[in-house]
Amino acid sequence: MRPSTRPGISQVIAAYKPKLRNELRNDWASTLLYRPVSLLLTPLLAALSVAPAMITLAGLLCSLKLPWLAAPGGALAAYHVGLLAIACRILDCIDGDLARVTGR
C-alpha cells in the first residue's frame, strides 16, 4: 500500500493476515490480547501520518519508565507497571501493523 493512502481497518487486517497463523502459534497472547486494540488504532495513527519509528520510540520510552514506576513498590506501583506494560505491548503491535500497511 502506498504511504499516501489512508488505510481502514479492513486494509490493516488484510496486511496482518499473513502473520496471523505464525503469531497464534508463537505469541498467542499478543494475538488475543493486544493485537485487536492495535488493529483498531493503526488506521487512526496512519491517518495522522504517524511514522512506525515514532511508535517504536514511544514504546521504548514506556519501557524505560517501568522501573521508575516499580521503584516505590506496593499495589499502586504494580497497577501502574501493569498498565504501562500493556501499553508497551500494544505499541509493539501497532508499529508492525503501521509499517506493514503504510509500506514504511
PDB file of N, CA and C in Angstrom:
ATOM      1  N   MET A   1       0.841  -1.173   0.000  1.00  0.00           N
ATOM      2  CA  MET A   1       0.000   0.000   0.000  1.00  0.00           C
ATOM      3  C   MET A   1       0.888   1.238   0.000  1.00  0.00           C
ATOM      4  N   ARG A   2       0.509   2.222  -0.755  1.00  0.00           N
ATOM      5  CA  ARG A   2       1.279   3.462  -0.822  1.00  0.00           C
ATOM      6  C   ARG A   2       1.162   4.216   0.501  1.00  0.00           C
ATOM      7  N   PRO A   3       2.257   4.868   0.933  1.00  0.00           N
ATOM      8  CA  PRO A   3       2.216   5.621   2.171  1.00  0.00           C
ATOM      9  C   PRO A   3       1.187   6.745   2.181  1.00  0.00           C
ATOM     10  N   SER A   4       0.810   7.264   1.013  1.00  0.00           N
ATOM     11  CA  SER A   4      -0.108   8.396   0.970  1.00  0.00           C
ATOM     12  C   SER A   4      -1.566   7.985   1.190  1.00  0.00           C
ATOM     13  N   THR A   5      -1.885   6.702   1.025  1.00  0.00           N
ATOM     14  CA  THR A   5      -3.256   6.281   1.226  1.00  0.00           C
ATOM     15  C   THR A   5      -3.553   6.149   2.707  1.00  0.00           C
ATOM     16  N   ARG A   6      -4.817   6.295   3.058  1.00  0.00           N
ATOM     17  CA  ARG A   6      -5.235   6.173   4.447  1.00  0.00           C
ATOM     18  C   ARG A   6      -5.959   4.847   4.606  1.00  0.00           C
ATOM     19  N   PRO A   7      -5.287   3.887   5.211  1.00  0.00           N
ATOM     20  CA  PRO A   7      -5.886   2.565   5.317  1.00  0.00           C
ATOM     21  C   PRO A   7      -7.020   2.534   6.338  1.00  0.00           C
ATOM     22  N   GLY A   8      -7.992   1.689   6.055  1.00  0.00           N
ATOM     23  CA  GLY A   8      -9.049   1.431   7.011  1.00  0.00           C
ATOM     24  C   GLY A   8      -8.737   0.160   7.782  1.00  0.00           C
ATOM     25  N   ILE A   9      -9.614  -0.209   8.671  1.00  0.00           N
ATOM     26  CA  ILE A   9      -9.397  -1.413   9.481  1.00  0.00           C
ATOM     27  C   ILE A   9      -9.285  -2.644   8.587  1.00  0.00           C
ATOM     28  N   SER A  10     -10.080  -2.709   7.537  1.00  0.00           N
ATOM     29  CA  SER A  10     -10.029  -3.889   6.667  1.00  0.00           C
ATOM     30  C   SER A  10      -8.669  -4.033   5.987  1.00  0.00           C
ATOM     31  N   GLN A  11      -8.047  -2.911   5.590  1.00  0.00           N
ATOM     32  CA  GLN A  11      -6.722  -2.980   4.989  1.00  0.00           C
ATOM     33  C   GLN A  11      -5.660  -3.386   6.015  1.00  0.00           C
ATOM     34  N   VAL A  12      -5.812  -2.905   7.239  1.00  0.00           N
ATOM     35  CA  VAL A  12      -4.864  -3.262   8.299  1.00  0.00           C
ATOM     36  C   VAL A  12      -4.962  -4.755   8.596  1.00  0.00           C
ATOM     37  N   ILE A  13      -6.180  -5.271   8.670  1.00  0.00           N
ATOM     38  CA  ILE A  13      -6.379  -6.699   8.928  1.00  0.00           C
ATOM     39  C   ILE A  13      -5.830  -7.528   7.775  1.00  0.00           C
ATOM     40  N   ALA A  14      -6.083  -7.086   6.542  1.00  0.00           N
ATOM     41  CA  ALA A  14      -5.574  -7.817   5.378  1.00  0.00           C
ATOM     42  C   ALA A  14      -4.043  -7.858   5.375  1.00  0.00           C
ATOM     43  N   ALA A  15      -3.400  -6.776   5.762  1.00  0.00           N
ATOM     44  CA  ALA A  15      -1.946  -6.748   5.811  1.00  0.00           C
ATOM     45  C   ALA A  15      -1.413  -7.641   6.931  1.00  0.00           C
ATOM     46  N   TYR A  16      -2.199  -7.816   7.982  1.00  0.00           N
ATOM     47  CA  TYR A  16      -1.781  -8.628   9.132  1.00  0.00           C
ATOM     48  C   TYR A  16      -2.014 -10.126   8.928  1.00  0.00           C
ATOM     49  N   LYS A  17      -2.994 -10.499   8.106  1.00  0.00           N
ATOM     50  CA  LYS A  17      -3.378 -11.910   7.956  1.00  0.00           C
ATOM     51  C   LYS A  17      -2.229 -12.868   7.666  1.00  0.00           C
ATOM     52  N   PRO A  18      -1.255 -12.532   6.801  1.00  0.00           N
ATOM     53  CA  PRO A  18      -0.153 -13.475   6.583  1.00  0.00           C
ATOM     54  C   PRO A  18       0.633 -13.802   7.860  1.00  0.00           C
ATOM     55  N   LYS A  19       0.648 -12.910   8.805  1.00  0.00           N
ATOM     56  CA  LYS A  19       1.378 -13.100  10.054  1.00  0.00           C
ATOM     57  C   LYS A  19       0.541 -13.826  11.112  1.00  0.00           C
ATOM     58  N   LEU A  20      -0.749 -13.877  10.946  1.00  0.00           N
ATOM     59  CA  LEU A  20      -1.668 -14.381  11.968  1.00  0.00           C
ATOM     60  C   LEU A  20      -1.364 -15.801  12.421  1.00  0.00           C
ATOM     61  N   ARG A  21      -1.229 -16.720  11.508  1.00  0.00           N
ATOM     62  CA  ARG A  21      -1.032 -18.133  11.874  1.00  0.00           C
ATOM     63  C   ARG A  21       0.243 -18.326  12.700  1.00  0.00           C
ATOM     64  N   ASN A  22       1.330 -17.711  12.259  1.00  0.00           N
ATOM     65  CA  ASN A  22       2.588 -17.835  12.994  1.00  0.00           C
ATOM     66  C   ASN A  22       2.486 -17.184  14.375  1.00  0.00           C
ATOM     67  N   GLU A  23       1.835 -16.037  14.443  1.00  0.00           N
ATOM     68  CA  GLU A  23       1.707 -15.352  15.727  1.00  0.00           C
ATOM     69  C   GLU A  23       0.822 -16.138  16.686  1.00  0.00           C
ATOM     70  N   LEU A  24      -0.225 -16.768  16.168  1.00  0.00           N
ATOM     71  CA  LEU A  24      -1.072 -17.603  17.033  1.00  0.00           C
ATOM     72  C   LEU A  24      -0.281 -18.766  17.617  1.00  0.00           C
ATOM     73  N   ARG A  25       0.624 -19.304  16.830  1.00  0.00           N
ATOM     74  CA  ARG A  25       1.423 -20.435  17.270  1.00  0.00           C
ATOM     75  C   ARG A  25       2.499 -20.022  18.268  1.00  0.00           C
ATOM     76  N   ASN A  26       3.133 -18.880  18.036  1.00  0.00           N
ATOM     77  CA  ASN A  26       4.304 -18.494  18.821  1.00  0.00           C
ATOM     78  C   ASN A  26       4.079 -17.374  19.830  1.00  0.00           C
ATOM     79  N   ASP A  27       3.065 -16.575  19.632  1.00  0.00           N
ATOM     80  CA  ASP A  27       2.831 -15.418  20.500  1.00  0.00           C
ATOM     81  C   ASP A  27       1.331 -15.183  20.624  1.00  0.00           C
ATOM     82  N   TRP A  28       0.638 -16.230  21.073  1.00  0.00           N
ATOM     83  CA  TRP A  28      -0.827 -16.180  21.095  1.00  0.00           C
ATOM     84  C   TRP A  28      -1.361 -15.067  21.986  1.00  0.00           C
ATOM     85  N   ALA A  29      -0.634 -14.706  23.052  1.00  0.00           N
ATOM     86  CA  ALA A  29      -1.114 -13.647  23.939  1.00  0.00           C
ATOM     87  C   ALA A  29      -1.219 -12.320  23.193  1.00  0.00           C
ATOM     88  N   SER A  30      -0.227 -12.026  22.374  1.00  0.00           N
ATOM     89  CA  SER A  30      -0.299 -10.795  21.575  1.00  0.00           C
ATOM     90  C   SER A  30      -1.488 -10.820  20.639  1.00  0.00           C
ATOM     91  N   THR A  31      -1.698 -11.979  20.010  1.00  0.00           N
ATOM     92  CA  THR A  31      -2.797 -12.112  19.055  1.00  0.00           C
ATOM     93  C   THR A  31      -4.146 -11.886  19.723  1.00  0.00           C
ATOM     94  N   LEU A  32      -4.327 -12.448  20.883  1.00  0.00           N
ATOM     95  CA  LEU A  32      -5.635 -12.401  21.539  1.00  0.00           C
ATOM     96  C   LEU A  32      -5.856 -11.166  22.406  1.00  0.00           C
ATOM     97  N   LEU A  33      -4.809 -10.646  23.013  1.00  0.00           N
ATOM     98  CA  LEU A  33      -4.982  -9.552  23.964  1.00  0.00           C
ATOM     99  C   LEU A  33      -4.644  -8.174  23.405  1.00  0.00           C
ATOM    100  N   TYR A  34      -3.544  -8.079  22.681  1.00  0.00           N
ATOM    101  CA  TYR A  34      -3.051  -6.762  22.279  1.00  0.00           C
ATOM    102  C   TYR A  34      -3.336  -6.429  20.821  1.00  0.00           C
ATOM    103  N   ARG A  35      -3.319  -7.428  19.956  1.00  0.00           N
ATOM    104  CA  ARG A  35      -3.494  -7.177  18.526  1.00  0.00           C
ATOM    105  C   ARG A  35      -4.853  -6.551  18.204  1.00  0.00           C
ATOM    106  N   PRO A  36      -5.961  -6.978  18.822  1.00  0.00           N
ATOM    107  CA  PRO A  36      -7.243  -6.333  18.476  1.00  0.00           C
ATOM    108  C   PRO A  36      -7.223  -4.822  18.709  1.00  0.00           C
ATOM    109  N   VAL A  37      -6.611  -4.384  19.788  1.00  0.00           N
ATOM    110  CA  VAL A  37      -6.521  -2.944  20.063  1.00  0.00           C
ATOM    111  C   VAL A  37      -5.646  -2.271  19.009  1.00  0.00           C
ATOM    112  N   SER A  38      -4.532  -2.918  18.663  1.00  0.00           N
ATOM    113  CA  SER A  38      -3.634  -2.310  17.675  1.00  0.00           C
ATOM    114  C   SER A  38      -4.297  -2.205  16.306  1.00  0.00           C
ATOM    115  N   LEU A  39      -5.097  -3.205  15.944  1.00  0.00           N
ATOM    116  CA  LEU A  39      -5.779  -3.165  14.644  1.00  0.00           C
ATOM    117  C   LEU A  39      -6.778  -2.012  14.575  1.00  0.00           C
ATOM    118  N   LEU A  40      -7.350  -1.652  15.712  1.00  0.00           N
ATOM    119  CA  LEU A  40      -8.282  -0.528  15.747  1.00  0.00           C
ATOM    120  C   LEU A  40      -7.565   0.824  15.730  1.00  0.00           C
ATOM    121  N   LEU A  41      -6.418   0.907  16.387  1.00  0.00           N
ATOM    122  CA  LEU A  41      -5.706   2.181  16.486  1.00  0.00           C
ATOM    123  C   LEU A  41      -4.840   2.498  15.270  1.00  0.00           C
ATOM    124  N   THR A  42      -4.401   1.481  14.554  1.00  0.00           N
ATOM    125  CA  THR A  42      -3.493   1.698  13.423  1.00  0.00           C
ATOM    126  C   THR A  42      -4.079   2.618  12.347  1.00  0.00           C
ATOM    127  N   PRO A  43      -5.340   2.447  11.914  1.00  0.00           N
ATOM    128  CA  PRO A  43      -5.863   3.375  10.890  1.00  0.00           C
ATOM    129  C   PRO A  43      -5.864   4.831  11.352  1.00  0.00           C
ATOM    130  N   LEU A  44      -6.160   5.044  12.623  1.00  0.00           N
ATOM    131  CA  LEU A  44      -6.150   6.407  13.155  1.00  0.00           C
ATOM    132  C   LEU A  44      -4.745   7.001  13.103  1.00  0.00           C
ATOM    133  N   LEU A  45      -3.758   6.234  13.538  1.00  0.00           N
ATOM    134  CA  LEU A  45      -2.383   6.724  13.521  1.00  0.00           C
ATOM    135  C   LEU A  45      -1.862   6.904  12.096  1.00  0.00           C
ATOM    136  N   ALA A  46      -2.279   6.039  11.182  1.00  0.00           N
ATOM    137  CA  ALA A  46      -1.892   6.195   9.777  1.00  0.00           C
ATOM    138  C   ALA A  46      -2.498   7.470   9.200  1.00  0.00           C
ATOM    139  N   ALA A  47      -3.748   7.748   9.557  1.00  0.00           N
ATOM    140  CA  ALA A  47      -4.404   8.967   9.073  1.00  0.00           C
ATOM    141  C   ALA A  47      -3.716  10.218   9.618  1.00  0.00           C
ATOM    142  N   LEU A  48      -3.111  10.098  10.792  1.00  0.00           N
ATOM    143  CA  LEU A  48      -2.388  11.224  11.385  1.00  0.00           C
ATOM    144  C   LEU A  48      -0.938  11.296  10.902  1.00  0.00           C
ATOM    145  N   SER A  49      -0.571  10.406   9.967  1.00  0.00           N
ATOM    146  CA  SER A  49       0.785  10.338   9.395  1.00  0.00           C
ATOM    147  C   SER A  49       1.864  10.072  10.437  1.00  0.00           C
ATOM    148  N   VAL A  50       1.516   9.269  11.429  1.00  0.00           N
ATOM    149  CA  VAL A  50       2.496   8.881  12.445  1.00  0.00           C
ATOM    150  C   VAL A  50       3.391   7.805  11.846  1.00  0.00           C
ATOM    151  N   ALA A  51       4.681   7.979  11.957  1.00  0.00           N
ATOM    152  CA  ALA A  51       5.648   7.016  11.420  1.00  0.00           C
ATOM    153  C   ALA A  51       5.790   5.834  12.379  1.00  0.00           C
ATOM    154  N   PRO A  52       6.008   4.632  11.841  1.00  0.00           N
ATOM    155  CA  PRO A  52       6.227   3.477  12.716  1.00  0.00           C
ATOM    156  C   PRO A  52       7.377   3.693  13.698  1.00  0.00           C
ATOM    157  N   ALA A  53       8.402   4.404  13.269  1.00  0.00           N
ATOM    158  CA  ALA A  53       9.537   4.673  14.160  1.00  0.00           C
ATOM    159  C   ALA A  53       9.124   5.514  15.365  1.00  0.00           C
ATOM    160  N   MET A  54       8.146   6.388  15.186  1.00  0.00           N
ATOM    161  CA  MET A  54       7.649   7.184  16.310  1.00  0.00           C
ATOM    162  C   MET A  54       6.962   6.284  17.340  1.00  0.00           C
ATOM    163  N   ILE A  55       6.234   5.291  16.854  1.00  0.00           N
ATOM    164  CA  ILE A  55       5.565   4.347  17.752  1.00  0.00           C
ATOM    165  C   ILE A  55       6.605   3.497  18.479  1.00  0.00           C
ATOM    166  N   THR A  56       7.637   3.076  17.757  1.00  0.00           N
ATOM    167  CA  THR A  56       8.709   2.307  18.378  1.00  0.00           C
ATOM    168  C   THR A  56       9.382   3.123  19.479  1.00  0.00           C
ATOM    169  N   LEU A  57       9.645   4.389  19.210  1.00  0.00           N
ATOM    170  CA  LEU A  57      10.255   5.264  20.211  1.00  0.00           C
ATOM    171  C   LEU A  57       9.340   5.435  21.423  1.00  0.00           C
ATOM    172  N   ALA A  58       8.051   5.594  21.187  1.00  0.00           N
ATOM    173  CA  ALA A  58       7.104   5.711  22.301  1.00  0.00           C
ATOM    174  C   ALA A  58       7.124   4.443  23.153  1.00  0.00           C
ATOM    175  N   GLY A  59       7.195   3.282  22.516  1.00  0.00           N
ATOM    176  CA  GLY A  59       7.278   2.024  23.250  1.00  0.00           C
ATOM    177  C   GLY A  59       8.560   1.930  24.062  1.00  0.00           C
ATOM    178  N   LEU A  60       9.664   2.390  23.486  1.00  0.00           N
ATOM    179  CA  LEU A  60      10.934   2.393  24.205  1.00  0.00           C
ATOM    180  C   LEU A  60      10.854   3.291  25.436  1.00  0.00           C
ATOM    181  N   LEU A  61      10.298   4.473  25.264  1.00  0.00           N
ATOM    182  CA  LEU A  61      10.172   5.394  26.394  1.00  0.00           C
ATOM    183  C   LEU A  61       9.273   4.810  27.480  1.00  0.00           C
ATOM    184  N   CYS A  62       8.199   4.143  27.077  1.00  0.00           N
ATOM    185  CA  CYS A  62       7.323   3.483  28.056  1.00  0.00           C
ATOM    186  C   CYS A  62       8.078   2.407  28.821  1.00  0.00           C
ATOM    187  N   SER A  63       8.835   1.596  28.117  1.00  0.00           N
ATOM    188  CA  SER A  63       9.553   0.513  28.787  1.00  0.00           C
ATOM    189  C   SER A  63      10.640   1.048  29.713  1.00  0.00           C
ATOM    190  N   LEU A  64      11.261   2.174  29.358  1.00  0.00           N
ATOM    191  CA  LEU A  64      12.263   2.771  30.232  1.00  0.00           C
ATOM    192  C   LEU A  64      11.646   3.350  31.502  1.00  0.00           C
ATOM    193  N   LYS A  65      10.377   3.672  31.446  1.00  0.00           N
ATOM    194  CA  LYS A  65       9.695   4.229  32.618  1.00  0.00           C
ATOM    195  C   LYS A  65       9.236   3.133  33.594  1.00  0.00           C
ATOM    196  N   LEU A  66       9.183   1.897  33.158  1.00  0.00           N
ATOM    197  CA  LEU A  66       8.692   0.807  34.015  1.00  0.00           C
ATOM    198  C   LEU A  66       9.456   0.680  35.336  1.00  0.00           C
ATOM    199  N   PRO A  67      10.794   0.647  35.338  1.00  0.00           N
ATOM    200  CA  PRO A  67      11.489   0.532  36.628  1.00  0.00           C
ATOM    201  C   PRO A  67      11.214   1.706  37.560  1.00  0.00           C
ATOM    202  N   TRP A  68      11.106   2.886  36.986  1.00  0.00           N
ATOM    203  CA  TRP A  68      10.816   4.079  37.782  1.00  0.00           C
ATOM    204  C   TRP A  68       9.441   3.947  38.453  1.00  0.00           C
ATOM    205  N   LEU A  69       8.472   3.414  37.737  1.00  0.00           N
ATOM    206  CA  LEU A  69       7.147   3.213  38.316  1.00  0.00           C
ATOM    207  C   LEU A  69       7.140   2.112  39.371  1.00  0.00           C
ATOM    208  N   ALA A  70       7.979   1.103  39.182  1.00  0.00           N
ATOM    209  CA  ALA A  70       8.004  -0.026  40.107  1.00  0.00           C
ATOM    210  C   ALA A  70       8.754   0.288  41.395  1.00  0.00           C
ATOM    211  N   ALA A  71       9.627   1.268  41.361  1.00  0.00           N
ATOM    212  CA  ALA A  71      10.515   1.559  42.492  1.00  0.00           C
ATOM    213  C   ALA A  71       9.802   1.752  43.832  1.00  0.00           C
ATOM    214  N   PRO A  72       8.682   2.477  43.883  1.00  0.00           N
ATOM    215  CA  PRO A  72       8.050   2.670  45.191  1.00  0.00           C
ATOM    216  C   PRO A  72       7.478   1.376  45.798  1.00  0.00           C
ATOM    217  N   GLY A  73       7.216   0.399  44.963  1.00  0.00           N
ATOM    218  CA  GLY A  73       6.619  -0.846  45.443  1.00  0.00           C
ATOM    219  C   GLY A  73       5.155  -0.654  45.813  1.00  0.00           C
ATOM    220  N   GLY A  74       4.542  -1.715  46.237  1.00  0.00           N
ATOM    221  CA  GLY A  74       3.152  -1.652  46.656  1.00  0.00           C
ATOM    222  C   GLY A  74       2.179  -1.937  45.535  1.00  0.00           C
ATOM    223  N   ALA A  75       0.917  -1.970  45.919  1.00  0.00           N
ATOM    224  CA  ALA A  75      -0.154  -2.321  44.989  1.00  0.00           C
ATOM    225  C   ALA A  75      -0.330  -1.269  43.894  1.00  0.00           C
ATOM    226  N   LEU A  76      -0.236  -0.016  44.258  1.00  0.00           N
ATOM    227  CA  LEU A  76      -0.425   1.042  43.264  1.00  0.00           C
ATOM    228  C   LEU A  76       0.688   1.012  42.221  1.00  0.00           C
ATOM    229  N   ALA A  77       1.902   0.783  42.659  1.00  0.00           N
ATOM    230  CA  ALA A  77       3.027   0.678  41.717  1.00  0.00           C
ATOM    231  C   ALA A  77       2.824  -0.511  40.785  1.00  0.00           C
ATOM    232  N   ALA A  78       2.381  -1.634  41.327  1.00  0.00           N
ATOM    233  CA  ALA A  78       2.131  -2.821  40.499  1.00  0.00           C
ATOM    234  C   ALA A  78       1.042  -2.542  39.469  1.00  0.00           C
ATOM    235  N   TYR A  79       0.009  -1.833  39.877  1.00  0.00           N
ATOM    236  CA  TYR A  79      -1.079  -1.462  38.968  1.00  0.00           C
ATOM    237  C   TYR A  79      -0.545  -0.592  37.826  1.00  0.00           C
ATOM    238  N   HIS A  80       0.255   0.413  38.163  1.00  0.00           N
ATOM    239  CA  HIS A  80       0.802   1.307  37.135  1.00  0.00           C
ATOM    240  C   HIS A  80       1.759   0.572  36.206  1.00  0.00           C
ATOM    241  N   VAL A  81       2.595  -0.297  36.767  1.00  0.00           N
ATOM    242  CA  VAL A  81       3.515  -1.081  35.945  1.00  0.00           C
ATOM    243  C   VAL A  81       2.723  -1.976  34.994  1.00  0.00           C
ATOM    244  N   GLY A  82       1.676  -2.611  35.494  1.00  0.00           N
ATOM    245  CA  GLY A  82       0.848  -3.473  34.646  1.00  0.00           C
ATOM    246  C   GLY A  82       0.218  -2.713  33.490  1.00  0.00           C
ATOM    247  N   LEU A  83      -0.350  -1.565  33.785  1.00  0.00           N
ATOM    248  CA  LEU A  83      -0.979  -0.757  32.728  1.00  0.00           C
ATOM    249  C   LEU A  83       0.039  -0.304  31.685  1.00  0.00           C
ATOM    250  N   LEU A  84       1.205   0.146  32.152  1.00  0.00           N
ATOM    251  CA  LEU A  84       2.207   0.614  31.207  1.00  0.00           C
ATOM    252  C   LEU A  84       2.802  -0.538  30.404  1.00  0.00           C
ATOM    253  N   ALA A  85       2.934  -1.705  31.024  1.00  0.00           N
ATOM    254  CA  ALA A  85       3.435  -2.872  30.290  1.00  0.00           C
ATOM    255  C   ALA A  85       2.449  -3.268  29.184  1.00  0.00           C
ATOM    256  N   ILE A  86       1.162  -3.192  29.467  1.00  0.00           N
ATOM    257  CA  ILE A  86       0.152  -3.465  28.437  1.00  0.00           C
ATOM    258  C   ILE A  86       0.262  -2.442  27.310  1.00  0.00           C
ATOM    259  N   ALA A  87       0.436  -1.181  27.663  1.00  0.00           N
ATOM    260  CA  ALA A  87       0.595  -0.136  26.639  1.00  0.00           C
ATOM    261  C   ALA A  87       1.831  -0.402  25.781  1.00  0.00           C
ATOM    262  N   CYS A  88       2.916  -0.864  26.399  1.00  0.00           N
ATOM    263  CA  CYS A  88       4.136  -1.187  25.645  1.00  0.00           C
ATOM    264  C   CYS A  88       3.873  -2.288  24.627  1.00  0.00           C
ATOM    265  N   ARG A  89       3.160  -3.319  25.027  1.00  0.00           N
ATOM    266  CA  ARG A  89       2.854  -4.432  24.124  1.00  0.00           C
ATOM    267  C   ARG A  89       1.945  -3.977  22.981  1.00  0.00           C
ATOM    268  N   ILE A  90       0.970  -3.136  23.287  1.00  0.00           N
ATOM    269  CA  ILE A  90       0.083  -2.626  22.242  1.00  0.00           C
ATOM    270  C   ILE A  90       0.882  -1.769  21.257  1.00  0.00           C
ATOM    271  N   LEU A  91       1.764  -0.926  21.763  1.00  0.00           N
ATOM    272  CA  LEU A  91       2.608  -0.114  20.881  1.00  0.00           C
ATOM    273  C   LEU A  91       3.491  -0.990  20.010  1.00  0.00           C
ATOM    274  N   ASP A  92       3.991  -2.092  20.559  1.00  0.00           N
ATOM    275  CA  ASP A  92       4.803  -3.019  19.775  1.00  0.00           C
ATOM    276  C   ASP A  92       3.998  -3.607  18.621  1.00  0.00           C
ATOM    277  N   CYS A  93       2.749  -3.929  18.882  1.00  0.00           N
ATOM    278  CA  CYS A  93       1.887  -4.442  17.809  1.00  0.00           C
ATOM    279  C   CYS A  93       1.574  -3.352  16.782  1.00  0.00           C
ATOM    280  N   ILE A  94       1.311  -2.146  17.263  1.00  0.00           N
ATOM    281  CA  ILE A  94       0.949  -1.052  16.359  1.00  0.00           C
ATOM    282  C   ILE A  94       2.088  -0.723  15.399  1.00  0.00           C
ATOM    283  N   ASP A  95       3.329  -0.703  15.891  1.00  0.00           N
ATOM    284  CA  ASP A  95       4.410  -0.295  14.986  1.00  0.00           C
ATOM    285  C   ASP A  95       4.567  -1.262  13.832  1.00  0.00           C
ATOM    286  N   GLY A  96       4.379  -2.554  14.073  1.00  0.00           N
ATOM    287  CA  GLY A  96       4.430  -3.525  12.983  1.00  0.00           C
ATOM    288  C   GLY A  96       3.249  -3.380  12.027  1.00  0.00           C
ATOM    289  N   ASP A  97       2.058  -3.204  12.600  1.00  0.00           N
ATOM    290  CA  ASP A  97       0.871  -3.013  11.761  1.00  0.00           C
ATOM    291  C   ASP A  97       1.032  -1.775  10.884  1.00  0.00           C
ATOM    292  N   LEU A  98       1.494  -0.708  11.485  1.00  0.00           N
ATOM    293  CA  LEU A  98       1.659   0.554  10.758  1.00  0.00           C
ATOM    294  C   LEU A  98       2.708   0.417   9.652  1.00  0.00           C
ATOM    295  N   ALA A  99       3.795  -0.269   9.947  1.00  0.00           N
ATOM    296  CA  ALA A  99       4.836  -0.450   8.938  1.00  0.00           C
ATOM    297  C   ALA A  99       4.321  -1.291   7.769  1.00  0.00           C
ATOM    298  N   ARG A 100       3.579  -2.358   8.082  1.00  0.00           N
ATOM    299  CA  ARG A 100       3.045  -3.213   7.004  1.00  0.00           C
ATOM    300  C   ARG A 100       2.039  -2.456   6.137  1.00  0.00           C
ATOM    301  N   VAL A 101       1.144  -1.745   6.749  1.00  0.00           N
ATOM    302  CA  VAL A 101       0.049  -1.141   5.989  1.00  0.00           C
ATOM    303  C   VAL A 101       0.490   0.121   5.236  1.00  0.00           C
ATOM    304  N   THR A 102       1.528   0.791   5.716  1.00  0.00           N
ATOM    305  CA  THR A 102       1.980   2.003   5.021  1.00  0.00           C
ATOM    306  C   THR A 102       3.198   1.743   4.147  1.00  0.00           C
ATOM    307  N   GLY A 103       3.797   0.579   4.264  1.00  0.00           N
ATOM    308  CA  GLY A 103       4.977   0.270   3.471  1.00  0.00           C
ATOM    309  C   GLY A 103       6.230   0.973   3.954  1.00  0.00           C
ATOM    310  N   ARG A 104       6.215   1.417   5.204  1.00  0.00           N
ATOM    311  CA  ARG A 104       7.392   2.109   5.751  1.00  0.00           C
ATOM    312  C   ARG A 104       8.090   1.251   6.785  1.00  0.00           C
TER     313      ARG A 104
END
